[in-house]
Protein backbone atom coordinates (compact mmCIF):
# COMPACT_ATOMS: atom_id res chain seq x y z
CA MET A 1 120.59 95.38 93.83
CA ALA A 2 118.79 98.10 91.80
CA LYS A 3 117.03 95.43 89.74
CA SER A 4 115.91 93.68 92.94
CA LEU A 5 114.55 96.92 94.43
CA SER A 6 112.72 97.70 91.18
CA LYS A 7 110.94 94.36 91.45
CA ILE A 8 109.96 95.20 95.04
CA TRP A 9 108.62 98.56 93.87
CA LEU A 10 106.50 96.95 91.14
CA ARG A 11 105.20 94.25 93.49
CA GLY A 12 104.24 96.91 96.02
CA PHE A 13 102.10 98.83 93.56
CA LYS A 14 100.55 95.60 92.32
CA ARG A 15 99.51 94.83 95.92
CA LEU A 16 97.91 98.27 96.25
CA LEU A 17 95.99 97.85 93.00
CA ALA A 18 95.03 94.28 93.95
CA ILE A 19 93.36 95.60 97.12
CA GLN A 20 91.24 97.96 95.03
CA THR A 21 90.35 95.21 92.57
CA GLU A 22 89.40 92.82 95.36
CA HIS A 23 87.26 95.50 96.98
CA ALA A 24 85.48 96.20 93.68
CA GLN A 25 84.72 92.50 93.25
CA LYS A 26 83.30 92.26 96.77
CA THR A 27 81.12 95.31 96.13
CA ALA A 28 79.84 93.73 92.92
CA LYS A 29 78.96 90.53 94.78
CA ARG A 30 76.93 92.55 97.29
CA ALA A 31 74.91 93.83 94.34
CA GLN A 32 73.96 90.28 93.33
CA ALA A 33 70.90 88.43 94.49
CA ARG A 34 70.41 87.63 98.15
CA PRO A 35 67.80 85.09 99.30
CA VAL A 36 64.60 86.67 100.61
CA ARG A 37 63.13 84.90 103.63
CA ALA A 38 59.76 83.23 103.00
CA ALA A 39 58.25 85.28 105.81
CA THR A 40 58.87 88.46 103.81
CA ALA A 41 56.92 87.17 100.78
CA LYS A 42 53.58 86.19 102.25
CA PRO A 43 50.88 86.17 99.58
CA SER A 44 47.91 88.44 100.22
CA SER A 45 44.50 86.82 100.72
CA LYS A 46 43.33 88.85 97.73
CA THR A 47 45.93 87.50 95.33
CA HIS A 48 46.73 84.12 93.89
CA PRO A 49 49.73 82.16 95.23
CA LEU A 50 52.90 82.77 93.27
CA LYS A 51 53.67 80.38 90.47
CA PRO A 52 56.98 78.52 90.82
CA ALA A 53 58.77 80.76 88.26
CA ALA A 54 57.45 83.92 89.91
CA ALA A 55 58.44 82.61 93.32
CA LEU A 56 61.95 81.95 92.06
CA ARG A 57 62.17 85.51 90.75
CA THR A 58 61.05 86.80 94.16
CA LEU A 59 63.61 84.71 95.99
CA THR A 60 66.38 86.02 93.72
CA ARG A 61 65.29 89.66 93.83
CA ARG A 62 68.31 91.88 93.44
CA GLU A 63 69.20 94.40 96.06
CA ALA A 64 70.93 97.69 95.29
CA PRO A 65 74.67 97.76 96.03
CA ARG A 66 75.44 98.83 99.55
CA GLU A 67 76.68 102.40 99.44
CA SER A 68 78.35 104.54 102.05
CA ARG A 69 75.75 106.79 103.62
CA VAL A 70 78.37 109.07 105.11
CA ARG A 71 79.22 111.71 102.52
CA PRO A 72 81.70 114.53 102.94
CA ARG A 73 79.07 116.98 101.72
CA ALA A 74 76.72 118.75 104.10
CA ALA A 75 73.67 117.41 102.27
CA ALA A 76 73.92 113.90 103.70
CA TRP A 77 74.28 113.12 107.39
CA ALA A 78 77.07 115.59 108.13
CA SER A 79 75.38 118.93 108.82
CA GLY A 80 78.20 121.44 108.29
CA ALA A 81 79.75 123.09 105.24
CA TRP A 82 81.92 121.16 102.78
CA THR A 83 83.98 123.31 100.42
CA ARG A 84 86.38 122.24 97.67
CA SER A 85 89.01 124.72 96.59
CA PHE A 86 92.73 125.11 95.88
CA HIS A 87 95.59 126.87 97.63
CA SER A 88 98.43 128.63 95.83
CA ALA A 89 101.39 127.20 97.74
CA PRO A 90 105.03 128.31 97.45
CA ALA A 91 106.55 127.29 94.13
CA ALA A 92 108.03 123.81 94.13
CA PRO A 93 111.12 122.74 92.15
CA GLY A 94 110.12 122.11 88.54
CA ARG A 95 106.74 123.85 88.89
CA LEU A 96 105.92 127.41 87.92
CA VAL A 97 102.62 127.19 89.82
CA ASN A 98 101.96 124.94 92.82
CA HIS A 99 98.22 124.62 93.34
CA LEU A 100 97.19 122.32 96.18
CA GLN A 101 93.62 121.04 95.92
CA TYR A 102 91.78 120.53 99.21
CA GLY A 103 88.41 119.97 100.81
CA LEU A 104 87.44 121.82 103.99
CA TYR A 105 84.72 120.75 106.38
CA ILE A 106 83.43 123.17 109.03
CA PRO A 107 80.69 121.95 111.41
CA SER A 108 77.62 124.12 111.81
CA GLY A 109 76.94 126.20 114.90
CA HIS A 110 80.55 127.19 115.57
CA ALA A 111 80.89 130.37 113.51
CA ARG A 112 82.41 132.49 116.28
CA GLU A 113 84.62 129.87 117.87
CA ALA A 114 88.35 129.33 117.33
CA LEU A 115 87.96 125.71 116.26
CA PRO A 116 90.68 123.06 116.36
CA LEU A 117 91.80 121.95 112.89
CA VAL A 118 92.57 118.37 111.85
CA VAL A 119 94.62 117.83 108.67
CA MET A 120 93.78 114.50 107.01
CA LEU A 121 96.23 113.10 104.43
CA HIS A 122 94.94 110.31 102.18
CA GLY A 123 96.90 107.34 100.88
CA CYS A 124 97.83 106.22 97.36
CA THR A 125 94.97 105.90 94.83
CA GLN A 126 92.53 107.63 97.21
CA SER A 127 90.61 110.84 96.68
CA ILE A 128 89.66 113.22 99.47
CA ASP A 129 86.00 112.26 99.00
CA ASP A 130 86.87 108.59 99.57
CA PHE A 131 88.94 109.45 102.61
CA ALA A 132 86.29 111.69 104.15
CA GLU A 133 83.59 109.08 103.60
CA GLY A 134 85.60 106.10 104.75
CA THR A 135 86.96 107.63 107.96
CA ARG A 136 83.70 109.42 108.91
CA MET A 137 85.78 112.27 110.35
CA ASN A 138 83.17 114.87 109.39
CA LEU A 139 80.59 113.23 111.63
CA LEU A 140 83.05 113.40 114.53
CA ALA A 141 83.66 117.04 113.65
CA ASP A 142 79.93 117.67 114.00
CA ARG A 143 79.84 115.92 117.35
CA TYR A 144 82.93 117.45 118.95
CA GLY A 145 83.31 120.76 117.19
CA PHE A 146 86.47 120.84 115.07
CA ALA A 147 87.24 121.61 111.43
CA VAL A 148 88.81 119.12 109.00
CA VAL A 149 90.93 119.86 105.94
CA TYR A 150 91.76 117.22 103.34
CA PRO A 151 94.68 118.18 101.06
CA GLU A 152 94.60 116.19 97.82
CA GLN A 153 97.61 115.02 95.85
CA SER A 154 97.41 115.81 92.16
CA LYS A 155 97.62 113.07 89.53
CA HIS A 156 100.02 115.38 87.70
CA ALA A 157 102.39 115.12 90.68
CA HIS A 158 101.95 111.34 91.03
CA SER A 159 99.89 109.11 88.78
CA HIS A 160 98.63 107.09 91.78
CA ARG A 161 98.07 110.19 93.99
CA CYS A 162 100.87 109.10 96.35
CA TRP A 163 102.51 111.76 98.48
CA HIS A 164 106.29 111.95 98.02
CA TRP A 165 107.19 111.32 101.66
CA TYR A 166 110.60 110.00 100.69
CA ASP A 167 112.35 112.65 98.53
CA ALA A 168 112.76 116.36 97.75
CA ALA A 169 109.30 116.53 96.20
CA GLY A 170 107.94 115.46 99.58
CA ASP A 171 109.67 118.41 101.21
CA ALA A 172 107.84 120.70 98.79
CA GLU A 173 104.53 118.96 99.47
CA ALA A 174 105.04 119.30 103.23
CA ARG A 175 105.73 123.04 102.76
CA ALA A 176 102.55 123.31 100.69
CA VAL A 177 100.46 121.65 103.43
CA VAL A 178 101.94 123.97 106.08
CA SER A 179 101.25 126.96 103.84
CA LEU A 180 97.65 125.79 103.44
CA VAL A 181 97.24 125.38 107.20
CA ASP A 182 98.60 128.87 107.86
CA ALA A 183 96.25 130.36 105.26
CA LEU A 184 93.19 128.59 106.70
CA VAL A 185 94.07 129.60 110.27
CA GLU A 186 94.36 133.20 109.11
CA GLN A 187 91.16 133.10 107.07
CA HIS A 188 88.89 131.22 109.48
CA GLY A 189 90.44 131.99 112.83
CA PHE A 190 91.18 128.36 113.70
CA ASP A 191 93.06 127.77 116.95
CA ARG A 192 96.81 127.72 116.18
CA GLU A 193 97.49 125.83 119.40
CA ARG A 194 95.21 122.96 118.34
CA VAL A 195 96.21 122.00 114.81
CA TYR A 196 96.69 118.25 114.27
CA ALA A 197 97.81 116.07 111.36
CA ALA A 198 96.88 112.49 110.50
CA GLY A 199 97.38 110.22 107.52
CA ILE A 200 97.30 106.69 106.21
CA SER A 201 100.04 104.91 104.25
CA ALA A 202 101.78 107.52 102.06
CA GLY A 203 99.71 110.13 103.90
CA ALA A 204 101.17 108.85 107.16
CA GLY A 205 104.62 109.15 105.60
CA LEU A 206 103.98 112.81 104.82
CA THR A 207 102.54 113.31 108.30
CA ALA A 208 105.80 112.07 109.81
CA LEU A 209 107.67 114.51 107.60
CA LEU A 210 105.44 117.35 108.84
CA ALA A 211 106.08 116.29 112.44
CA VAL A 212 109.86 116.32 111.99
CA LYS A 213 110.25 119.38 109.76
CA TYR A 214 107.46 121.63 111.09
CA PRO A 215 106.79 120.70 114.72
CA GLU A 216 105.87 124.27 115.69
CA HIS A 217 102.74 124.04 113.51
CA PHE A 218 101.18 120.91 115.00
CA ALA A 219 100.09 119.87 118.48
CA ALA A 220 100.03 116.11 117.74
CA VAL A 221 100.07 113.63 114.85
CA ALA A 222 98.52 110.25 114.03
CA LEU A 223 100.06 107.72 111.63
CA HIS A 224 97.91 104.85 110.38
CA SER A 225 99.62 102.04 108.45
CA GLY A 226 102.62 104.29 107.86
CA PRO A 227 106.27 103.65 106.88
CA ALA A 228 109.28 104.34 109.07
CA PHE A 229 110.83 107.75 108.63
CA GLY A 230 114.20 108.83 107.29
CA GLU A 231 115.67 106.01 105.22
CA ALA A 232 113.89 106.12 101.85
CA ARG A 233 115.30 108.52 99.25
CA SER A 234 113.48 107.33 96.12
CA GLY A 235 110.34 105.50 95.04
CA VAL A 236 112.27 102.23 94.88
CA THR A 237 113.78 102.53 98.37
CA ALA A 238 110.40 103.72 99.68
CA MET A 239 108.85 100.44 98.55
CA ASP A 240 111.71 98.56 100.20
CA VAL A 241 110.97 100.29 103.54
CA MET A 242 107.26 99.54 103.17
CA ARG A 243 107.98 95.88 102.40
CA ARG A 244 110.76 95.22 104.95
CA GLY A 245 110.95 98.20 107.29
CA ALA A 246 113.99 100.43 107.65
CA ARG A 247 117.29 98.56 107.41
CA ARG A 248 119.12 101.08 109.60
CA GLU A 249 118.39 101.69 113.27
CA PRO A 250 115.26 103.90 113.49
CA VAL A 251 116.72 106.05 116.29
CA GLU A 252 119.84 106.65 114.22
CA LEU A 253 117.64 107.87 111.35
CA VAL A 254 115.92 110.36 113.65
CA ASP A 255 119.20 111.71 114.97
CA GLN A 256 120.50 112.08 111.44
CA ASN A 257 117.50 114.19 110.38
CA THR A 258 116.70 116.12 113.57
CA ASN A 259 118.42 118.03 116.34
CA VAL A 260 116.67 116.09 119.10
CA ALA A 261 118.11 118.31 121.87
CA GLN A 262 116.23 121.32 120.47
CA TYR A 263 113.20 119.47 119.10
CA PRO A 264 110.04 120.58 121.01
CA GLY A 265 108.49 117.09 121.13
CA MET A 266 105.48 115.70 119.26
CA PRO A 267 102.72 113.52 120.75
CA ALA A 268 102.01 110.67 118.34
CA LEU A 269 99.38 107.97 117.83
CA ILE A 270 100.50 105.00 115.71
CA VAL A 271 97.91 102.50 114.42
CA HIS A 272 98.75 99.44 112.31
CA GLY A 273 97.14 96.17 111.28
CA ASP A 274 99.00 92.93 111.96
CA ALA A 275 97.79 91.55 108.61
CA ASP A 276 99.09 94.48 106.56
CA HIS A 277 100.92 93.13 103.50
CA VAL A 278 101.52 96.53 101.89
CA VAL A 279 103.33 98.29 104.74
CA THR A 280 104.75 95.56 106.95
CA PRO A 281 103.87 95.93 110.67
CA VAL A 282 107.54 96.24 111.71
CA ASN A 283 107.22 99.83 110.48
CA ALA A 284 104.89 100.56 113.41
CA ASP A 285 107.53 99.39 115.88
CA GLN A 286 110.16 101.50 114.16
CA LEU A 287 107.92 104.58 114.12
CA ALA A 288 107.25 104.06 117.82
CA ALA A 289 110.99 104.07 118.53
CA GLN A 290 111.41 107.20 116.42
CA PHE A 291 108.72 109.16 118.22
CA LEU A 292 109.97 107.95 121.59
CA ARG A 293 113.31 109.44 120.58
CA LEU A 294 111.72 112.70 119.37
CA ASN A 295 109.94 112.98 122.72
CA ARG A 296 113.17 112.09 124.58
CA PHE A 297 111.86 108.92 126.20
CA ILE A 298 114.95 107.08 124.94
CA ASP A 299 118.56 108.09 124.27
CA ALA A 300 120.61 107.77 121.09
CA ASN A 301 121.25 104.10 121.89
CA GLY A 302 117.57 103.32 122.39
CA ALA A 303 117.85 103.01 126.19
CA ARG A 304 114.94 104.28 128.27
CA LYS A 305 115.51 107.73 129.82
CA ALA A 306 112.12 108.71 131.22
CA GLY A 307 108.42 107.95 131.43
CA GLU A 308 106.35 104.86 132.11
CA THR A 309 104.60 102.27 129.94
CA ARG A 310 101.13 100.80 130.16
CA GLU A 311 99.81 97.99 127.97
CA ASP A 312 96.27 96.80 127.36
CA ARG A 313 95.11 93.74 125.39
CA LYS A 314 91.45 93.52 124.51
CA ASN A 315 89.39 92.06 121.64
CA GLY A 316 92.39 91.45 119.41
CA VAL A 317 93.83 94.92 119.95
CA VAL A 318 97.13 95.58 121.73
CA THR A 319 97.51 99.17 122.94
CA ARG A 320 100.74 100.43 124.47
CA ASP A 321 100.87 103.89 126.06
CA TYR A 322 104.02 105.80 126.91
CA LEU A 323 103.36 108.39 129.60
CA ARG A 324 105.27 111.21 131.20
CA GLY A 325 103.90 112.69 134.40
CA GLY A 326 100.67 110.76 133.87
CA ARG A 327 100.20 112.35 130.42
CA ARG A 328 100.02 110.11 127.36
CA VAL A 329 102.67 111.17 124.84
CA VAL A 330 102.99 108.19 122.48
CA ARG A 331 100.35 105.52 121.86
CA VAL A 332 100.85 102.44 119.68
CA CYS A 333 97.82 100.38 118.65
CA ARG A 334 98.22 97.03 116.85
CA VAL A 335 95.03 95.51 115.43
CA GLN A 336 94.85 91.75 114.88
CA GLY A 337 93.54 90.67 111.46
CA LEU A 338 93.52 94.19 110.00
CA GLY A 339 95.11 94.64 106.59
CA HIS A 340 96.17 97.83 104.86
CA ALA A 341 93.04 99.76 105.79
CA TRP A 342 91.66 102.39 108.16
CA ALA A 343 90.44 100.57 111.28
CA GLY A 344 86.75 100.84 112.14
CA GLY A 345 86.04 102.64 108.88
CA ASP A 346 83.35 102.29 106.24
CA ASP A 347 84.27 99.14 104.34
CA ALA A 348 82.11 100.17 101.38
CA LEU A 349 85.25 102.01 100.27
CA PRO A 350 88.75 100.67 99.49
CA PHE A 351 91.39 100.90 102.20
CA HIS A 352 88.80 101.14 104.98
CA SER A 353 87.75 98.22 107.17
CA SER A 354 85.08 97.67 109.80
CA LYS A 355 87.61 95.54 111.71
CA GLY A 356 89.16 96.85 114.87
CA PRO A 357 88.50 99.93 116.96
CA ASP A 358 87.20 103.16 115.45
CA ALA A 359 90.51 104.75 114.48
CA SER A 360 88.87 108.13 113.83
CA ALA A 361 87.36 108.27 117.31
CA MET A 362 90.66 107.07 118.81
CA LEU A 363 92.48 109.76 116.86
CA TRP A 364 90.30 112.58 118.16
CA GLU A 365 90.37 111.25 121.72
CA PHE A 366 94.16 111.40 121.53
CA PHE A 367 94.27 114.81 119.85
CA ARG A 368 91.81 116.62 122.08
CA HIS A 369 94.14 116.44 125.08
CA GLN A 370 97.10 117.93 123.19
CA ARG A 371 97.95 121.59 122.69
CA ARG A 372 100.96 123.34 121.16
CA ALA A 373 101.44 126.31 123.50
CA ASP A 374 104.21 127.81 121.36
CA ALA A 375 102.29 127.49 118.08
CA GLY A 376 103.11 130.17 115.55
CA ARG A 377 106.26 131.26 117.42
CA VAL A 378 109.29 129.48 116.01
CA ALA A 379 112.14 129.56 118.52
CA GLU A 380 115.25 131.19 117.09
CA GLY A 381 117.40 128.25 118.04
CA LEU A 382 115.04 125.76 116.39
CA ALA A 383 114.93 127.83 113.22
CA THR A 384 118.72 127.91 113.14
CA SER A 385 119.01 124.16 113.62
CA SER A 386 116.38 123.52 110.91
CA ALA A 387 118.33 125.70 108.46
CA GLY A 388 121.49 123.74 109.24
CA ARG A 389 120.02 120.31 108.57
């Protein structure tokens, strides 16, 4: 069994690296010659017609590789302030010092406002610059007035920059992210009631961990192409969940890890591509069941307890909303033809695709209606139950 799971683990990482390789090859092809229409090469009346060899060179003129024009820095398109720094988080097991690198984007013109804060957690092999560029979140921050922080996994912690969403190291990383959020709220005066977390792939896995372990810090979460929560306990079993989904009932996993009766609820947006071969789409269904349980839409047996459901199918996208009192609490979006990539992103970067709806815009539209009224005040009963888990 262990040998079989090890093979799954290796195949999973090969798929991730294959996506990057394929993307690099496509980018290289875009740098190669593209035919120039004859109408764009009209000879001037003051020059001689092009000779055949010269004409051929004109028709095969090389264009520069297409590059993302949306940088995380303030100098290009986005008009606010982009700062890279590190946060000294609580010491993690096996580390004397736990420095968490991050990038912070603050839109201009909001110096005296208590801005909302969106935490963006990248996936394996990504940097925060790639993630900021590909998702275009900083441009949305300019438009709607919120700050964005991008924690970055260290290569010393994981050679592929994967977050450890599946083991004790992940608990330490989640604590580090929460510590960073608290420090930034204190330093910049961000609105504690409007702090949100989002991630893709391994970043979505860590986002789910934040939602379950630290619900008092976040008003809502978004999980893009993420694995089901609660079953994986090692890198090998994590790859098994990504490849096959959780083998145990997803609601059972939630109840095992959380005191649902005292859990304060967590609005959640779940986005997944139907053509994802890295994190199989069944994970989206399992995550949906888990967040329905956390928000007490269903009981321990998975039977519906409350709320209503609305479904919309349009342009290859199936969206299912779960509402309580007319308020959207859980939204699941399945995108036809989308692989393991951020929907509606900048496909000049790996793990971002122009296919599907703009996931970043969808994310903010979901977040902006959510508020954690008890942010910063951990109920005594919840703290007691968390200590007992």
